[in-house]
Amino acid sequence: MLRNRLIPAAMFAMATALAGCTSASAPSWMPSWLTIKPPPPPTVTLQFESAPAGADVRTVDGQTCKTPCSLALPLTAQSVSFGLNGYLPQTVAVEVAQAGEPNFQPNPVEVTLQTPQKPKPHKPKAAATTKPPPPQIAAPASPFPPPPQTR
């Protein structure tokens, strides 16, 4: 009789101990190819245009191209940078539009690159009225005779 009571109690204790060993992630002994990974987000083609053309485009994940161009990007909100020598760099935020079929907004991404403003040279202010220069005054004659010249 005692044996009938001990067996269920032992089974309950073992089940409780084993339940603590499991976790939501794969055990460390399991090979990585056997684990279930979530699928990557779908990719959508995003087009880029710039004025002037030929600007370098860089995405947050490191993809690059020269405008006009297009890249297949994961469908997530991100920022895209444009750069061209002699022009100020620009960054554009790209969102995901859920109306209908998910897509990037804006698509195509269009930018007009601006040249940097050059600082204006500082000009001294001109006098309000122009006055003639003061007259030249000759030095007064010396009351002393000139020193004798020696030969």
N, C-alpha and C. Protein backbone atom coordinates (compact mmCIF):
# COMPACT_ATOMS: atom_id res chain seq x y z
N MET A 1 0.81 -1.17 0.00
CA MET A 1 0.00 0.00 0.00
C MET A 1 0.87 1.26 0.00
N LEU A 2 1.88 1.21 0.79
CA LEU A 2 2.79 2.34 0.85
C LEU A 2 3.42 2.57 -0.52
N ARG A 3 3.69 1.50 -1.23
CA ARG A 3 4.29 1.59 -2.54
C ARG A 3 3.36 2.33 -3.50
N ASN A 4 2.08 2.13 -3.43
CA ASN A 4 1.11 2.79 -4.31
C ASN A 4 1.08 4.30 -4.09
N ARG A 5 1.39 4.74 -2.87
CA ARG A 5 1.40 6.18 -2.60
C ARG A 5 2.73 6.81 -3.00
N LEU A 6 3.81 6.13 -2.89
CA LEU A 6 5.12 6.69 -3.20
C LEU A 6 5.35 6.85 -4.69
N ILE A 7 4.84 5.96 -5.49
CA ILE A 7 5.08 6.03 -6.94
C ILE A 7 4.46 7.31 -7.53
N PRO A 8 3.19 7.65 -7.28
CA PRO A 8 2.66 8.90 -7.84
C PRO A 8 3.38 10.13 -7.29
N ALA A 9 3.77 10.13 -6.04
CA ALA A 9 4.48 11.27 -5.46
C ALA A 9 5.83 11.44 -6.13
N ALA A 10 6.54 10.34 -6.39
CA ALA A 10 7.84 10.40 -7.05
C ALA A 10 7.68 10.89 -8.48
N MET A 11 6.66 10.44 -9.17
CA MET A 11 6.42 10.88 -10.55
C MET A 11 6.11 12.38 -10.60
N PHE A 12 5.34 12.87 -9.64
CA PHE A 12 5.02 14.29 -9.59
C PHE A 12 6.29 15.12 -9.34
N ALA A 13 7.15 14.66 -8.45
CA ALA A 13 8.40 15.38 -8.15
C ALA A 13 9.32 15.40 -9.37
N MET A 14 9.41 14.30 -10.09
CA MET A 14 10.26 14.25 -11.28
C MET A 14 9.70 15.15 -12.38
N ALA A 15 8.39 15.16 -12.56
CA ALA A 15 7.78 16.00 -13.59
C ALA A 15 8.00 17.47 -13.27
N THR A 16 7.90 17.84 -12.01
CA THR A 16 8.11 19.23 -11.61
C THR A 16 9.57 19.62 -11.84
N ALA A 17 10.51 18.74 -11.52
CA ALA A 17 11.93 19.05 -11.71
C ALA A 17 12.25 19.18 -13.20
N LEU A 18 11.71 18.34 -14.04
CA LEU A 18 11.97 18.41 -15.47
C LEU A 18 11.32 19.63 -16.11
N ALA A 19 10.19 20.06 -15.60
CA ALA A 19 9.52 21.24 -16.16
C ALA A 19 10.38 22.47 -16.00
N GLY A 20 11.17 22.54 -14.95
CA GLY A 20 12.07 23.67 -14.75
C GLY A 20 13.23 23.69 -15.73
N CYS A 21 13.53 22.57 -16.37
CA CYS A 21 14.65 22.50 -17.31
C CYS A 21 14.29 23.01 -18.70
N THR A 22 13.03 23.05 -19.02
CA THR A 22 12.64 23.50 -20.36
C THR A 22 12.57 25.01 -20.39
N SER A 23 12.78 25.57 -21.56
CA SER A 23 12.68 27.02 -21.72
C SER A 23 12.09 27.32 -23.08
N ALA A 24 11.75 28.59 -23.32
CA ALA A 24 11.15 28.99 -24.58
C ALA A 24 12.16 28.93 -25.72
N SER A 25 13.41 29.19 -25.43
CA SER A 25 14.43 29.13 -26.48
C SER A 25 14.97 27.72 -26.59
N ALA A 26 15.67 27.49 -27.67
CA ALA A 26 16.23 26.16 -27.89
C ALA A 26 17.34 25.89 -26.88
N PRO A 27 17.45 24.63 -26.43
CA PRO A 27 18.53 24.30 -25.50
C PRO A 27 19.90 24.52 -26.15
N SER A 28 20.90 24.72 -25.32
CA SER A 28 22.24 25.01 -25.84
C SER A 28 22.84 23.82 -26.58
N TRP A 29 22.39 22.64 -26.31
CA TRP A 29 22.96 21.46 -26.96
C TRP A 29 22.36 21.23 -28.34
N MET A 30 21.26 21.93 -28.68
CA MET A 30 20.60 21.72 -29.96
C MET A 30 21.33 22.50 -31.05
N PRO A 31 21.61 21.87 -32.22
CA PRO A 31 22.29 22.60 -33.30
C PRO A 31 21.43 23.74 -33.83
N SER A 32 22.10 24.79 -34.32
CA SER A 32 21.39 25.99 -34.76
C SER A 32 20.48 25.72 -35.96
N TRP A 33 20.83 24.75 -36.80
CA TRP A 33 20.01 24.47 -37.98
C TRP A 33 18.70 23.81 -37.60
N LEU A 34 18.60 23.30 -36.36
CA LEU A 34 17.37 22.66 -35.91
C LEU A 34 16.41 23.65 -35.24
N THR A 35 16.88 24.83 -34.90
CA THR A 35 16.03 25.80 -34.21
C THR A 35 15.12 26.50 -35.21
N ILE A 36 13.99 26.92 -34.75
CA ILE A 36 13.02 27.62 -35.59
C ILE A 36 13.29 29.11 -35.49
N LYS A 37 13.53 29.74 -36.63
CA LYS A 37 13.79 31.18 -36.68
C LYS A 37 12.60 31.85 -37.34
N PRO A 38 12.26 33.06 -36.87
CA PRO A 38 11.18 33.78 -37.54
C PRO A 38 11.62 34.18 -38.94
N PRO A 39 10.69 34.21 -39.88
CA PRO A 39 11.06 34.58 -41.25
C PRO A 39 11.48 36.05 -41.30
N PRO A 40 12.41 36.39 -42.20
CA PRO A 40 12.81 37.80 -42.33
C PRO A 40 11.64 38.61 -42.88
N PRO A 41 11.63 39.93 -42.60
CA PRO A 41 10.54 40.74 -43.14
C PRO A 41 10.59 40.74 -44.66
N PRO A 42 9.44 40.86 -45.31
CA PRO A 42 9.44 40.86 -46.78
C PRO A 42 10.20 42.08 -47.31
N THR A 43 10.75 41.94 -48.51
CA THR A 43 11.46 43.06 -49.12
C THR A 43 10.59 43.71 -50.19
N VAL A 44 10.75 45.00 -50.32
CA VAL A 44 10.02 45.80 -51.32
C VAL A 44 11.03 46.70 -52.01
N THR A 45 10.88 46.90 -53.31
CA THR A 45 11.78 47.76 -54.06
C THR A 45 11.45 49.21 -53.79
N LEU A 46 12.47 49.97 -53.41
CA LEU A 46 12.32 51.40 -53.14
C LEU A 46 13.18 52.15 -54.15
N GLN A 47 12.60 53.14 -54.82
CA GLN A 47 13.29 53.90 -55.86
C GLN A 47 13.79 55.21 -55.28
N PHE A 48 14.96 55.67 -55.81
CA PHE A 48 15.59 56.89 -55.34
C PHE A 48 15.92 57.79 -56.53
N GLU A 49 15.63 59.09 -56.37
CA GLU A 49 15.95 60.08 -57.40
C GLU A 49 16.48 61.32 -56.71
N SER A 50 17.39 62.03 -57.41
CA SER A 50 17.94 63.26 -56.83
C SER A 50 18.19 64.26 -57.94
N ALA A 51 18.16 65.52 -57.54
CA ALA A 51 18.54 66.60 -58.45
C ALA A 51 19.69 67.32 -57.77
N PRO A 52 20.88 67.30 -58.31
CA PRO A 52 21.33 66.65 -59.53
C PRO A 52 21.46 65.14 -59.33
N ALA A 53 21.44 64.42 -60.44
CA ALA A 53 21.57 62.96 -60.41
C ALA A 53 23.01 62.58 -60.03
N GLY A 54 23.20 61.34 -59.63
CA GLY A 54 24.53 60.85 -59.28
C GLY A 54 24.84 60.90 -57.80
N ALA A 55 23.84 61.20 -56.98
CA ALA A 55 24.06 61.25 -55.54
C ALA A 55 24.21 59.84 -54.99
N ASP A 56 25.04 59.69 -53.95
CA ASP A 56 25.20 58.41 -53.27
C ASP A 56 24.03 58.23 -52.30
N VAL A 57 23.39 57.05 -52.35
CA VAL A 57 22.30 56.71 -51.45
C VAL A 57 22.82 55.64 -50.50
N ARG A 58 22.54 55.79 -49.18
CA ARG A 58 22.96 54.80 -48.19
C ARG A 58 21.79 54.52 -47.26
N THR A 59 21.48 53.22 -47.09
CA THR A 59 20.41 52.82 -46.17
C THR A 59 21.00 52.46 -44.82
N VAL A 60 20.14 52.27 -43.82
CA VAL A 60 20.62 51.96 -42.47
C VAL A 60 21.29 50.60 -42.41
N ASP A 61 20.91 49.67 -43.31
CA ASP A 61 21.54 48.35 -43.29
C ASP A 61 22.78 48.28 -44.18
N GLY A 62 23.23 49.43 -44.74
CA GLY A 62 24.49 49.48 -45.47
C GLY A 62 24.40 49.34 -46.97
N GLN A 63 23.20 49.17 -47.53
CA GLN A 63 23.09 49.08 -48.98
C GLN A 63 23.31 50.46 -49.59
N THR A 64 23.95 50.51 -50.78
CA THR A 64 24.24 51.77 -51.44
C THR A 64 23.93 51.68 -52.93
N CYS A 65 23.69 52.85 -53.54
CA CYS A 65 23.55 52.96 -54.99
C CYS A 65 23.71 54.44 -55.35
N LYS A 66 23.78 54.74 -56.66
CA LYS A 66 23.86 56.13 -57.15
C LYS A 66 22.57 56.44 -57.89
N THR A 67 22.00 57.61 -57.59
CA THR A 67 20.73 57.99 -58.21
C THR A 67 20.88 58.26 -59.69
N PRO A 68 19.85 57.96 -60.49
CA PRO A 68 18.60 57.28 -60.13
C PRO A 68 18.84 55.79 -59.98
N CYS A 69 18.25 55.18 -58.94
CA CYS A 69 18.47 53.76 -58.69
C CYS A 69 17.32 53.21 -57.84
N SER A 70 17.37 51.91 -57.58
CA SER A 70 16.39 51.28 -56.70
C SER A 70 17.07 50.15 -55.95
N LEU A 71 16.57 49.88 -54.73
CA LEU A 71 17.10 48.82 -53.87
C LEU A 71 15.95 48.01 -53.29
N ALA A 72 16.15 46.71 -53.13
CA ALA A 72 15.18 45.85 -52.44
C ALA A 72 15.50 45.92 -50.95
N LEU A 73 14.59 46.49 -50.17
CA LEU A 73 14.82 46.72 -48.74
C LEU A 73 13.78 45.99 -47.91
N PRO A 74 14.14 45.59 -46.67
CA PRO A 74 13.14 44.99 -45.79
C PRO A 74 12.06 46.02 -45.49
N LEU A 75 10.83 45.57 -45.45
CA LEU A 75 9.68 46.46 -45.28
C LEU A 75 9.57 46.91 -43.81
N THR A 76 10.48 47.81 -43.42
CA THR A 76 10.48 48.39 -42.08
C THR A 76 10.75 49.89 -42.21
N ALA A 77 10.24 50.67 -41.27
CA ALA A 77 10.51 52.11 -41.28
C ALA A 77 11.99 52.33 -41.08
N GLN A 78 12.57 53.24 -41.85
CA GLN A 78 14.01 53.49 -41.80
C GLN A 78 14.33 54.86 -42.35
N SER A 79 15.59 55.25 -42.28
CA SER A 79 16.02 56.51 -42.86
C SER A 79 17.05 56.22 -43.94
N VAL A 80 17.06 57.08 -44.96
CA VAL A 80 17.95 56.93 -46.11
C VAL A 80 18.73 58.23 -46.26
N SER A 81 20.04 58.13 -46.47
CA SER A 81 20.90 59.31 -46.59
C SER A 81 21.35 59.50 -48.03
N PHE A 82 21.37 60.76 -48.47
CA PHE A 82 21.84 61.14 -49.80
C PHE A 82 23.06 62.04 -49.63
N GLY A 83 24.06 61.86 -50.49
CA GLY A 83 25.24 62.70 -50.42
C GLY A 83 25.89 62.83 -51.79
N LEU A 84 26.42 64.02 -52.08
CA LEU A 84 27.11 64.29 -53.33
C LEU A 84 28.13 65.38 -53.05
N ASN A 85 29.36 65.22 -53.56
CA ASN A 85 30.41 66.22 -53.33
C ASN A 85 29.94 67.59 -53.80
N GLY A 86 30.17 68.60 -52.97
CA GLY A 86 29.79 69.97 -53.30
C GLY A 86 28.37 70.32 -52.88
N TYR A 87 27.64 69.36 -52.27
CA TYR A 87 26.26 69.59 -51.85
C TYR A 87 26.09 69.16 -50.40
N LEU A 88 25.10 69.75 -49.72
CA LEU A 88 24.81 69.38 -48.34
C LEU A 88 24.15 68.01 -48.31
N PRO A 89 24.55 67.12 -47.38
CA PRO A 89 23.90 65.81 -47.28
C PRO A 89 22.47 65.96 -46.76
N GLN A 90 21.62 64.99 -47.14
CA GLN A 90 20.23 64.99 -46.68
C GLN A 90 19.86 63.60 -46.22
N THR A 91 18.98 63.53 -45.21
CA THR A 91 18.45 62.27 -44.72
C THR A 91 16.93 62.34 -44.81
N VAL A 92 16.32 61.26 -45.36
CA VAL A 92 14.88 61.21 -45.54
C VAL A 92 14.33 60.02 -44.76
N ALA A 93 13.27 60.25 -43.98
CA ALA A 93 12.61 59.16 -43.25
C ALA A 93 11.64 58.47 -44.19
N VAL A 94 11.68 57.15 -44.20
CA VAL A 94 10.79 56.34 -45.04
C VAL A 94 9.93 55.50 -44.09
N GLU A 95 8.63 55.62 -44.22
CA GLU A 95 7.68 54.90 -43.37
C GLU A 95 7.06 53.75 -44.14
N VAL A 96 6.34 52.89 -43.43
CA VAL A 96 5.61 51.79 -44.06
C VAL A 96 4.14 52.17 -44.06
N ALA A 97 3.55 52.23 -45.27
CA ALA A 97 2.13 52.54 -45.41
C ALA A 97 1.35 51.23 -45.40
N GLN A 98 0.33 51.14 -44.57
CA GLN A 98 -0.45 49.90 -44.44
C GLN A 98 -1.74 49.92 -45.25
N ALA A 99 -2.03 51.02 -45.92
CA ALA A 99 -3.27 51.10 -46.72
C ALA A 99 -3.15 50.14 -47.90
N GLY A 100 -4.06 49.18 -47.99
CA GLY A 100 -3.99 48.19 -49.07
C GLY A 100 -2.82 47.26 -48.83
N GLU A 101 -2.00 47.08 -49.84
CA GLU A 101 -0.80 46.24 -49.72
C GLU A 101 0.30 47.06 -49.06
N PRO A 102 0.99 46.53 -48.05
CA PRO A 102 2.06 47.29 -47.39
C PRO A 102 3.12 47.73 -48.40
N ASN A 103 3.55 48.99 -48.27
CA ASN A 103 4.55 49.55 -49.18
C ASN A 103 5.26 50.69 -48.46
N PHE A 104 6.36 51.15 -49.04
CA PHE A 104 7.09 52.29 -48.48
C PHE A 104 6.36 53.58 -48.84
N GLN A 105 6.47 54.55 -47.94
CA GLN A 105 5.92 55.88 -48.19
C GLN A 105 6.98 56.89 -47.81
N PRO A 106 7.54 57.70 -48.65
CA PRO A 106 7.25 57.88 -50.07
C PRO A 106 8.00 56.85 -50.92
N ASN A 107 7.49 56.59 -52.09
CA ASN A 107 8.16 55.73 -53.06
C ASN A 107 7.76 56.22 -54.44
N PRO A 108 8.62 56.85 -55.20
CA PRO A 108 10.06 57.00 -55.04
C PRO A 108 10.42 58.10 -54.03
N VAL A 109 11.62 57.98 -53.49
CA VAL A 109 12.17 58.99 -52.59
C VAL A 109 12.92 59.99 -53.47
N GLU A 110 12.46 61.25 -53.45
CA GLU A 110 13.06 62.29 -54.30
C GLU A 110 13.62 63.40 -53.42
N VAL A 111 14.85 63.85 -53.74
CA VAL A 111 15.46 64.96 -53.01
C VAL A 111 16.08 65.94 -53.99
N THR A 112 16.12 67.19 -53.58
CA THR A 112 16.86 68.23 -54.31
C THR A 112 17.99 68.65 -53.39
N LEU A 113 19.21 68.36 -53.81
CA LEU A 113 20.37 68.67 -52.98
C LEU A 113 20.70 70.15 -53.08
N GLN A 114 21.10 70.73 -51.97
CA GLN A 114 21.39 72.16 -51.87
C GLN A 114 22.89 72.38 -51.77
N THR A 115 23.36 73.45 -52.40
CA THR A 115 24.77 73.82 -52.25
C THR A 115 24.92 74.59 -50.94
N PRO A 116 26.08 74.47 -50.30
CA PRO A 116 26.27 75.21 -49.05
C PRO A 116 26.34 76.70 -49.32
N GLN A 117 25.80 77.49 -48.41
CA GLN A 117 25.85 78.94 -48.56
C GLN A 117 27.23 79.42 -48.16
N LYS A 118 27.83 80.23 -49.02
CA LYS A 118 29.15 80.78 -48.72
C LYS A 118 28.96 82.01 -47.85
N PRO A 119 29.80 82.19 -46.84
CA PRO A 119 29.66 83.38 -46.01
C PRO A 119 30.00 84.63 -46.82
N LYS A 120 29.22 85.67 -46.59
CA LYS A 120 29.45 86.93 -47.30
C LYS A 120 30.67 87.62 -46.71
N PRO A 121 31.54 88.19 -47.57
CA PRO A 121 32.70 88.89 -47.02
C PRO A 121 32.25 90.14 -46.27
N HIS A 122 32.95 90.44 -45.20
CA HIS A 122 32.62 91.60 -44.37
C HIS A 122 33.21 92.84 -45.01
N LYS A 123 32.34 93.79 -45.33
CA LYS A 123 32.79 95.05 -45.92
C LYS A 123 32.71 96.12 -44.85
N PRO A 124 33.76 96.94 -44.72
CA PRO A 124 33.67 98.03 -43.74
C PRO A 124 32.64 99.05 -44.23
N LYS A 125 31.94 99.61 -43.28
CA LYS A 125 30.93 100.61 -43.64
C LYS A 125 31.60 101.89 -44.12
N ALA A 126 31.07 102.45 -45.18
CA ALA A 126 31.58 103.72 -45.71
C ALA A 126 31.03 104.84 -44.84
N ALA A 127 31.79 105.95 -44.76
CA ALA A 127 31.32 107.10 -43.99
C ALA A 127 30.08 107.66 -44.64
N ALA A 128 29.21 108.23 -43.82
CA ALA A 128 27.95 108.76 -44.33
C ALA A 128 28.19 109.90 -45.32
N THR A 129 29.13 110.77 -45.01
CA THR A 129 29.48 111.86 -45.92
C THR A 129 30.97 111.78 -46.19
N THR A 130 31.34 112.13 -47.38
CA THR A 130 32.76 112.11 -47.70
C THR A 130 33.33 113.51 -47.47
N LYS A 131 34.35 113.56 -46.69
CA LYS A 131 35.00 114.84 -46.39
C LYS A 131 36.33 114.88 -47.13
N PRO A 132 36.71 116.07 -47.59
CA PRO A 132 38.02 116.16 -48.23
C PRO A 132 39.10 115.97 -47.17
N PRO A 133 40.26 115.47 -47.54
CA PRO A 133 41.30 115.28 -46.55
C PRO A 133 41.75 116.64 -46.00
N PRO A 134 42.22 116.66 -44.77
CA PRO A 134 42.64 117.94 -44.19
C PRO A 134 43.83 118.50 -44.98
N PRO A 135 43.95 119.81 -45.04
CA PRO A 135 45.06 120.40 -45.80
C PRO A 135 46.39 120.08 -45.13
N GLN A 136 47.40 119.94 -45.96
CA GLN A 136 48.73 119.66 -45.45
C GLN A 136 49.33 120.95 -44.90
N ILE A 137 49.77 120.93 -43.68
CA ILE A 137 50.37 122.11 -43.05
C ILE A 137 51.87 121.91 -43.03
N ALA A 138 52.55 122.93 -43.54
CA ALA A 138 54.01 122.84 -43.57
C ALA A 138 54.55 123.05 -42.16
N ALA A 139 55.64 122.39 -41.86
CA ALA A 139 56.25 122.53 -40.53
C ALA A 139 56.81 123.95 -40.41
N PRO A 140 56.65 124.56 -39.26
CA PRO A 140 57.18 125.92 -39.07
C PRO A 140 58.71 125.93 -39.14
N ALA A 141 59.23 127.04 -39.56
CA ALA A 141 60.71 127.17 -39.66
C ALA A 141 61.30 127.17 -38.27
N SER A 142 62.45 126.60 -38.16
CA SER A 142 63.09 126.49 -36.86
C SER A 142 63.71 127.83 -36.49
N PRO A 143 63.57 128.26 -35.24
CA PRO A 143 64.17 129.51 -34.83
C PRO A 143 65.68 129.40 -34.69
N PHE A 144 66.22 128.23 -34.74
CA PHE A 144 67.66 128.03 -34.58
C PHE A 144 68.31 127.90 -35.95
N PRO A 145 69.53 128.42 -36.05
CA PRO A 145 70.23 128.29 -37.33
C PRO A 145 70.63 126.84 -37.54
N PRO A 146 70.84 126.46 -38.78
CA PRO A 146 71.25 125.07 -39.04
C PRO A 146 72.65 124.82 -38.50
N PRO A 147 72.95 123.62 -38.15
CA PRO A 147 74.27 123.31 -37.60
C PRO A 147 75.35 123.48 -38.68
N PRO A 148 76.55 123.86 -38.30
CA PRO A 148 77.61 124.04 -39.29
C PRO A 148 77.99 122.72 -39.92
N GLN A 149 78.34 122.76 -41.15
CA GLN A 149 78.73 121.55 -41.86
C GLN A 149 80.23 121.40 -41.76
N THR A 150 80.70 120.26 -41.47
CA THR A 150 82.13 119.99 -41.37
C THR A 150 82.56 119.18 -42.55
N ARG A 151 83.84 119.50 -42.99
CA ARG A 151 84.37 118.76 -44.11
C ARG A 151 85.47 117.92 -43.74
